[in-house]
Amino acid sequence: MIAPLSARGRRWALTAALAAASPACGEAAATRRSPAPPRSLAPAEQAAVEGHGGRGTPRGADPTGGADADDEGPSRAGPDATAAQGTAMQALPTACANDAGCGYDPASERCGGDPRLNRQPPVTDQGIVCYCDAGACAMLRVLPVPCEGDHDCAVAHEPRPHPVRATRERPHEKGRPCRDLTLSTTCERTNICTLRRHACPAR
């Protein structure tokens, strides 16, 4: 029968057991922490990596989509489209007999004689005037004329009546409507010169 160990004997036995187990634990930890040597790539794998630039994209390729993505852009119209647009603008008929035969084409920003074009109303303060000049449609673009009073405004009759800023050579019109003048200008609350056409009885 084995006599029970004293407390001092038990501590000595535990210390000896831990000392014997420490080298084995250290070797196991060292074995787990040592990194594996790098694996050399096979020739086929190395060629695949070099062919893709090392980033997964073939050398010379466009990662954003290449030529197909550029073709979808609206700003890359070819010379054929530009030439077709120029031909369409040149093909716009301009022959006319009077102002009523001229209309405005928003696509080309020109006036033409095609009956399908937009007929513009008479200009009052700003806008576009399409008129017939020597058998061909022409365009006048009237810009707003700022003013502080009626004295700042005047009527220009050429090429077609429209409001302008009054000058010494072209002062603000004076007289009575229908007796002295049929066109006059006023400075409206918007501080823009406005042309007025007076409905006068036929003489």
Protein backbone atom coordinates (compact mmCIF):
# COMPACT_ATOMS: atom_id res chain seq x y z
CA MET A 1 0.00 0.00 0.00
CA ILE A 2 1.36 3.44 -1.08
CA ALA A 3 1.42 5.97 1.68
CA PRO A 4 -0.35 9.26 0.79
CA LEU A 5 1.95 12.10 -0.24
CA SER A 6 2.34 15.02 2.01
CA ALA A 7 1.48 18.51 0.81
CA ARG A 8 5.12 19.26 0.18
CA GLY A 9 5.51 16.04 -1.78
CA ARG A 10 2.48 16.85 -3.94
CA ARG A 11 3.88 20.29 -4.85
CA TRP A 12 7.22 18.74 -5.76
CA ALA A 13 5.57 16.15 -8.01
CA LEU A 14 3.42 18.81 -9.77
CA THR A 15 6.48 21.00 -10.38
CA ALA A 16 8.38 18.07 -11.89
CA ALA A 17 5.47 17.17 -14.18
CA LEU A 18 5.17 20.77 -15.47
CA ALA A 19 8.91 20.97 -16.11
CA ALA A 20 8.79 17.79 -18.15
CA ALA A 21 5.85 19.00 -20.24
CA SER A 22 7.23 22.52 -21.00
CA PRO A 23 9.77 21.50 -23.73
CA ALA A 24 7.11 19.52 -25.55
CA CYS A 25 4.67 22.47 -25.49
CA GLY A 26 7.35 24.87 -26.70
CA GLU A 27 8.26 22.62 -29.61
CA ALA A 28 4.59 22.29 -30.58
CA ALA A 29 4.11 26.09 -30.53
CA ALA A 30 7.21 26.61 -32.59
CA THR A 31 5.96 24.05 -35.05
CA ARG A 32 2.61 25.85 -35.36
CA ARG A 33 4.10 29.34 -35.78
CA SER A 34 6.76 28.59 -38.38
CA PRO A 35 5.46 29.73 -41.80
CA ALA A 36 5.39 27.37 -44.67
CA PRO A 37 7.97 28.08 -47.39
CA PRO A 38 6.47 29.88 -50.45
CA ARG A 39 5.28 27.59 -53.14
CA SER A 40 6.84 28.19 -56.51
CA LEU A 41 4.35 28.69 -59.32
CA ALA A 42 4.13 26.30 -62.17
CA PRO A 43 5.19 27.68 -65.59
CA ALA A 44 1.54 27.78 -66.78
CA GLU A 45 0.44 29.70 -63.68
CA GLN A 46 3.34 32.14 -63.98
CA ALA A 47 2.47 32.85 -67.63
CA ALA A 48 -1.18 33.44 -66.71
CA VAL A 49 -0.23 35.97 -64.01
CA GLU A 50 2.16 37.85 -66.31
CA GLY A 51 -0.37 37.90 -69.15
CA HIS A 52 -2.97 39.58 -66.88
CA GLY A 53 -0.59 42.17 -65.46
CA GLY A 54 -0.87 40.66 -61.98
CA ARG A 55 -4.22 42.39 -61.40
CA GLY A 56 -6.75 40.23 -63.17
CA THR A 57 -7.01 42.52 -66.22
CA PRO A 58 -5.26 41.64 -69.50
CA ARG A 59 -2.56 44.05 -70.53
CA GLY A 60 -3.82 46.62 -73.01
CA ALA A 61 -7.48 46.00 -72.07
CA ASP A 62 -9.75 48.80 -70.86
CA PRO A 63 -11.30 47.90 -67.47
CA THR A 64 -14.21 50.29 -68.03
CA GLY A 65 -15.56 48.51 -71.06
CA GLY A 66 -13.19 49.32 -73.91
CA ALA A 67 -14.38 50.44 -77.31
CA ASP A 68 -17.95 49.28 -76.71
CA ALA A 69 -18.39 51.77 -73.85
CA ASP A 70 -17.03 54.61 -75.95
CA ASP A 71 -19.41 53.83 -78.78
CA GLU A 72 -22.39 54.35 -76.47
CA GLY A 73 -21.44 57.97 -75.66
CA PRO A 74 -23.66 60.61 -77.31
CA SER A 75 -20.76 63.03 -77.79
CA ARG A 76 -18.83 60.73 -80.12
CA ALA A 77 -20.88 61.25 -83.25
CA GLY A 78 -18.99 60.33 -86.37
CA PRO A 79 -18.32 62.57 -89.34
CA ASP A 80 -21.23 60.98 -91.21
CA ALA A 81 -23.74 62.26 -88.63
CA THR A 82 -22.27 65.78 -88.76
CA ALA A 83 -22.35 65.78 -92.56
CA ALA A 84 -25.97 64.57 -92.57
CA GLN A 85 -26.99 67.35 -90.19
CA GLY A 86 -25.25 69.96 -92.37
CA THR A 87 -26.99 68.60 -95.45
CA ALA A 88 -30.38 68.77 -93.71
CA MET A 89 -29.77 72.40 -92.77
CA GLN A 90 -28.77 73.28 -96.32
CA ALA A 91 -31.84 71.49 -97.68
CA LEU A 92 -34.22 73.77 -95.74
CA PRO A 93 -36.23 75.69 -98.39
CA THR A 94 -36.03 79.46 -98.04
CA ALA A 95 -38.01 80.70 -101.07
CA CYS A 96 -40.93 82.96 -100.16
CA ALA A 97 -43.30 85.53 -101.59
CA ASN A 98 -44.13 87.40 -98.36
CA ASP A 99 -43.58 87.31 -94.59
CA ALA A 100 -46.47 84.87 -94.10
CA GLY A 101 -44.55 82.26 -96.10
CA CYS A 102 -41.68 82.10 -93.59
CA GLY A 103 -41.54 80.00 -90.42
CA TYR A 104 -38.99 79.13 -87.75
CA ASP A 105 -37.18 75.79 -87.46
CA PRO A 106 -35.97 75.22 -83.85
CA ALA A 107 -33.70 72.32 -84.87
CA SER A 108 -31.53 74.46 -87.16
CA GLU A 109 -32.42 77.81 -85.55
CA ARG A 110 -33.21 79.22 -88.96
CA CYS A 111 -36.20 80.60 -90.84
CA GLY A 112 -37.43 78.78 -93.93
CA GLY A 113 -40.24 78.56 -96.42
CA ASP A 114 -41.49 75.09 -95.45
CA PRO A 115 -45.21 75.40 -94.52
CA ARG A 116 -44.69 72.96 -91.65
CA LEU A 117 -42.36 75.35 -89.79
CA ASN A 118 -43.53 77.37 -86.80
CA ARG A 119 -45.12 80.72 -87.59
CA GLN A 120 -44.02 83.32 -85.04
CA PRO A 121 -46.43 85.91 -83.64
CA PRO A 122 -45.62 89.61 -84.11
CA VAL A 123 -42.84 90.63 -81.75
CA THR A 124 -43.73 92.90 -78.83
CA ASP A 125 -40.74 92.98 -76.47
CA GLN A 126 -38.47 90.09 -77.52
CA GLY A 127 -38.48 87.04 -79.76
CA ILE A 128 -37.78 85.90 -83.33
CA VAL A 129 -39.05 87.54 -86.49
CA CYS A 130 -39.10 85.49 -89.70
CA TYR A 131 -39.59 87.74 -92.71
CA CYS A 132 -39.25 87.56 -96.49
CA ASP A 133 -36.38 89.55 -97.92
CA ALA A 134 -35.76 89.56 -101.70
CA GLY A 135 -37.60 86.27 -102.16
CA ALA A 136 -35.78 84.41 -99.38
CA CYS A 137 -36.68 83.91 -95.71
CA ALA A 138 -34.48 85.77 -93.22
CA MET A 139 -34.44 85.93 -89.43
CA LEU A 140 -34.27 88.76 -86.90
CA ARG A 141 -33.63 87.93 -83.25
CA VAL A 142 -34.97 90.67 -80.96
CA LEU A 143 -33.39 90.85 -77.51
CA PRO A 144 -35.10 92.52 -74.51
CA VAL A 145 -34.32 96.25 -74.16
CA PRO A 146 -34.09 97.41 -70.51
CA CYS A 147 -35.65 100.77 -69.65
CA GLU A 148 -36.59 103.06 -66.78
CA GLY A 149 -39.24 105.10 -68.61
CA ASP A 150 -40.95 105.51 -71.96
CA HIS A 151 -38.26 107.97 -73.03
CA ASP A 152 -35.74 105.07 -73.10
CA CYS A 153 -37.68 103.22 -75.82
CA ALA A 154 -38.09 103.75 -79.54
CA VAL A 155 -39.34 101.93 -82.64
CA ALA A 156 -37.00 100.51 -85.28
CA HIS A 157 -38.81 99.84 -88.58
CA GLU A 158 -36.08 97.88 -90.35
CA PRO A 159 -35.92 95.09 -91.22
CA ARG A 160 -39.26 94.70 -89.42
CA PRO A 161 -40.75 96.79 -86.58
CA HIS A 162 -39.26 96.00 -83.15
CA PRO A 163 -38.42 97.93 -79.97
CA VAL A 164 -34.93 99.38 -79.47
CA ARG A 165 -33.26 101.74 -77.06
CA ALA A 166 -33.91 105.39 -77.84
CA THR A 167 -30.98 107.45 -79.12
CA ARG A 168 -30.49 110.98 -80.40
CA GLU A 169 -30.85 109.73 -83.97
CA ARG A 170 -33.87 107.60 -83.06
CA PRO A 171 -35.74 109.29 -80.20
CA HIS A 172 -38.87 108.09 -78.46
CA GLU A 173 -41.88 108.65 -80.71
CA LYS A 174 -44.22 111.53 -79.97
CA GLY A 175 -47.72 112.13 -81.21
CA ARG A 176 -51.23 110.80 -81.01
CA PRO A 177 -51.97 107.18 -81.91
CA CYS A 178 -53.56 106.62 -85.33
CA ARG A 179 -53.24 110.30 -86.18
CA ASP A 180 -49.49 110.76 -85.90
CA LEU A 181 -48.27 107.21 -85.54
CA THR A 182 -49.44 103.60 -85.71
CA LEU A 183 -46.56 102.12 -83.69
CA SER A 184 -45.30 103.26 -80.32
CA THR A 185 -43.24 101.95 -77.42
CA THR A 186 -43.73 101.99 -73.67
CA CYS A 187 -41.62 100.93 -70.70
CA GLU A 188 -43.63 98.28 -68.89
CA ARG A 189 -43.47 97.28 -65.23
CA THR A 190 -40.97 94.61 -66.14
CA ASN A 191 -38.62 97.46 -67.19
CA ILE A 192 -38.54 96.18 -70.77
CA CYS A 193 -39.43 98.25 -73.83
CA THR A 194 -42.64 97.02 -75.43
CA LEU A 195 -43.87 97.68 -78.95
CA ARG A 196 -47.53 98.59 -79.34
CA ARG A 197 -49.47 98.29 -82.59
CA HIS A 198 -52.47 100.57 -82.60
CA ALA A 199 -55.66 99.35 -84.21
CA CYS A 200 -56.35 102.27 -86.49
CA PRO A 201 -59.30 102.50 -88.88
CA ALA A 202 -58.47 102.34 -92.53
CA ARG A 203 -58.20 105.71 -94.14
